């Protein structure tokens, strides 16, 4: 080794990590619940307000934009925890990234893709999405 960087010192430290006992009774849902509580709700669940989504609200259906990696069980837990309602059914729509062209030279760009969730609530529950 060159004297520019100095001498290499060797440390004789033993690995003092203790093994952690894994609880076999833990369910997949409890892991998702801890996942939900550790993150902010606003980043995961945003209401999608358009004329069409407002007309769906009459049928007890609400539209949200969710993260691409979220699944139906996580969306259900987020809606129930954030809005204190009971979810009956969830439909998920993924809109992929679409190429678009604009300008004089028709430059190629991309429109961002996103994931929508249409959440149907049980009878008697409503969400007030007034802005």
Protein backbone atom coordinates (compact mmCIF):
# COMPACT_ATOMS: atom_id res chain seq x y z
CA UNK A 1 0.00 0.00 0.00
CA UNK A 2 1.34 3.43 -0.80
CA UNK A 3 2.36 5.80 2.00
CA UNK A 4 -0.08 8.33 0.60
CA UNK A 5 -3.04 6.49 2.10
CA UNK A 6 -1.37 5.32 5.29
CA UNK A 7 -1.10 1.89 6.82
CA UNK A 8 -3.99 -0.46 6.87
CA UNK A 9 -5.08 -1.38 10.37
CA UNK A 10 -6.93 -4.58 11.08
CA UNK A 11 -9.64 -4.61 13.71
CA UNK A 12 -10.44 -7.88 15.38
CA UNK A 13 -14.06 -7.39 16.35
CA UNK A 14 -16.38 -10.29 16.78
CA UNK A 15 -19.87 -10.16 15.38
CA UNK A 16 -21.98 -9.45 18.45
CA UNK A 17 -25.34 -9.69 16.71
CA UNK A 18 -27.80 -11.95 18.49
CA UNK A 19 -30.24 -14.02 16.46
CA UNK A 20 -33.80 -12.73 16.44
CA UNK A 21 -36.61 -15.19 17.07
CA UNK A 22 -39.18 -15.21 14.28
CA UNK A 23 -42.80 -15.51 15.34
CA UNK A 24 -44.45 -18.15 13.17
CA UNK A 25 -47.94 -16.99 14.11
CA UNK A 26 -47.55 -13.60 12.45
CA UNK A 27 -49.88 -13.16 9.50
CA UNK A 28 -49.31 -11.40 6.24
CA UNK A 29 -52.02 -8.88 7.18
CA UNK A 30 -50.23 -7.80 10.36
CA UNK A 31 -47.14 -7.03 8.28
CA UNK A 32 -49.25 -4.89 5.94
CA UNK A 33 -50.81 -3.06 8.91
CA UNK A 34 -47.40 -2.07 10.23
CA UNK A 35 -46.51 -1.00 6.72
CA UNK A 36 -49.59 1.21 6.55
CA UNK A 37 -48.98 2.85 9.90
CA UNK A 38 -45.36 3.68 9.12
CA UNK A 39 -46.12 5.72 6.00
CA UNK A 40 -48.11 8.84 5.35
CA UNK A 41 -51.59 8.32 3.94
CA UNK A 42 -51.50 11.28 1.57
CA UNK A 43 -48.72 9.84 -0.54
CA UNK A 44 -50.52 6.54 -0.99
CA UNK A 45 -54.08 7.67 -1.54
CA UNK A 46 -55.22 10.73 -3.48
CA UNK A 47 -58.83 11.29 -4.53
CA UNK A 48 -59.32 11.60 -8.29
CA UNK A 49 -62.00 14.23 -8.80
CA UNK A 50 -63.54 14.55 -12.27
CA UNK A 51 -67.08 14.78 -13.58
CA UNK A 52 -67.19 11.06 -14.17
CA UNK A 53 -65.87 10.21 -10.70
CA UNK A 54 -68.43 12.57 -9.15
CA UNK A 55 -71.22 10.75 -11.01
CA UNK A 56 -69.85 7.43 -9.70
CA UNK A 57 -70.14 8.78 -6.14
CA UNK A 58 -73.92 8.52 -6.51
CA UNK A 59 -73.47 4.74 -6.90
CA UNK A 60 -71.28 4.67 -3.75
CA UNK A 61 -68.09 4.32 -5.82
CA UNK A 62 -65.05 6.55 -5.27
CA UNK A 63 -61.92 6.89 -7.42
CA UNK A 64 -58.42 7.26 -5.99
CA UNK A 65 -54.95 7.50 -7.51
CA UNK A 66 -52.62 5.09 -5.73
CA UNK A 67 -48.96 4.14 -6.00
CA UNK A 68 -48.03 1.68 -8.73
CA UNK A 69 -46.76 -0.90 -6.26
CA UNK A 70 -49.88 -0.94 -4.06
CA UNK A 71 -52.28 -3.87 -4.19
CA UNK A 72 -55.97 -4.29 -3.38
CA UNK A 73 -55.49 -5.32 0.24
CA UNK A 74 -53.27 -2.31 0.97
CA UNK A 75 -55.74 0.04 -0.76
CA UNK A 76 -58.59 -1.44 1.27
CA UNK A 77 -56.73 -0.93 4.54
CA UNK A 78 -55.77 2.63 3.61
CA UNK A 79 -59.33 3.64 2.71
CA UNK A 80 -60.82 2.02 5.80
CA UNK A 81 -58.22 3.56 8.10
CA UNK A 82 -58.13 7.02 6.53
CA UNK A 83 -61.87 7.57 5.92
CA UNK A 84 -63.34 5.22 8.59
CA UNK A 85 -65.64 3.38 6.19
CA UNK A 86 -66.15 -0.27 5.17
CA UNK A 87 -65.01 -1.30 1.68
CA UNK A 88 -67.07 -3.77 -0.31
CA UNK A 89 -65.10 -4.10 -3.56
CA UNK A 90 -62.05 -2.61 -5.30
CA UNK A 91 -61.32 -2.41 -9.02
CA UNK A 92 -57.79 -1.45 -10.07
CA UNK A 93 -56.89 0.14 -13.40
CA UNK A 94 -53.31 0.68 -14.52
CA UNK A 95 -52.77 3.38 -17.13
CA UNK A 96 -49.33 2.86 -18.69
CA UNK A 97 -46.86 5.50 -19.80
CA UNK A 98 -47.98 6.78 -23.20
CA UNK A 99 -45.71 8.33 -25.82
CA UNK A 100 -46.78 11.77 -27.04
CA UNK A 101 -45.49 14.22 -29.62
CA UNK A 102 -45.56 18.00 -29.46
CA UNK A 103 -44.00 21.06 -31.00
CA UNK A 104 -42.86 22.03 -34.48
CA UNK A 105 -40.44 19.13 -34.81
CA UNK A 106 -42.79 16.68 -33.12
CA UNK A 107 -40.45 15.89 -30.26
CA UNK A 108 -41.18 12.56 -28.61
CA UNK A 109 -42.02 12.71 -24.91
CA UNK A 110 -43.88 10.53 -22.46
CA UNK A 111 -47.05 11.07 -20.49
CA UNK A 112 -46.77 9.70 -16.98
CA UNK A 113 -48.65 6.53 -16.18
CA UNK A 114 -50.55 5.95 -12.96
CA UNK A 115 -52.76 3.47 -11.16
CA UNK A 116 -56.40 4.16 -10.32
CA UNK A 117 -58.53 2.34 -7.78
CA UNK A 118 -62.33 2.43 -7.92
CA UNK A 119 -63.51 1.68 -4.39
CA UNK A 120 -67.09 0.52 -3.79
CA UNK A 121 -68.29 1.09 -0.25
CA UNK A 122 -70.81 -0.97 1.69
CA UNK A 123 -74.37 0.32 2.14
CA UNK A 124 -74.71 3.22 4.55
CA UNK A 125 -71.15 4.55 4.20
CA UNK A 126 -70.12 7.72 2.38
CA UNK A 127 -66.92 9.70 1.85
CA UNK A 128 -67.02 13.48 1.74
CA UNK A 129 -64.42 14.52 -0.85
CA UNK A 130 -65.33 18.22 -0.85
CA UNK A 131 -62.35 20.41 -1.62
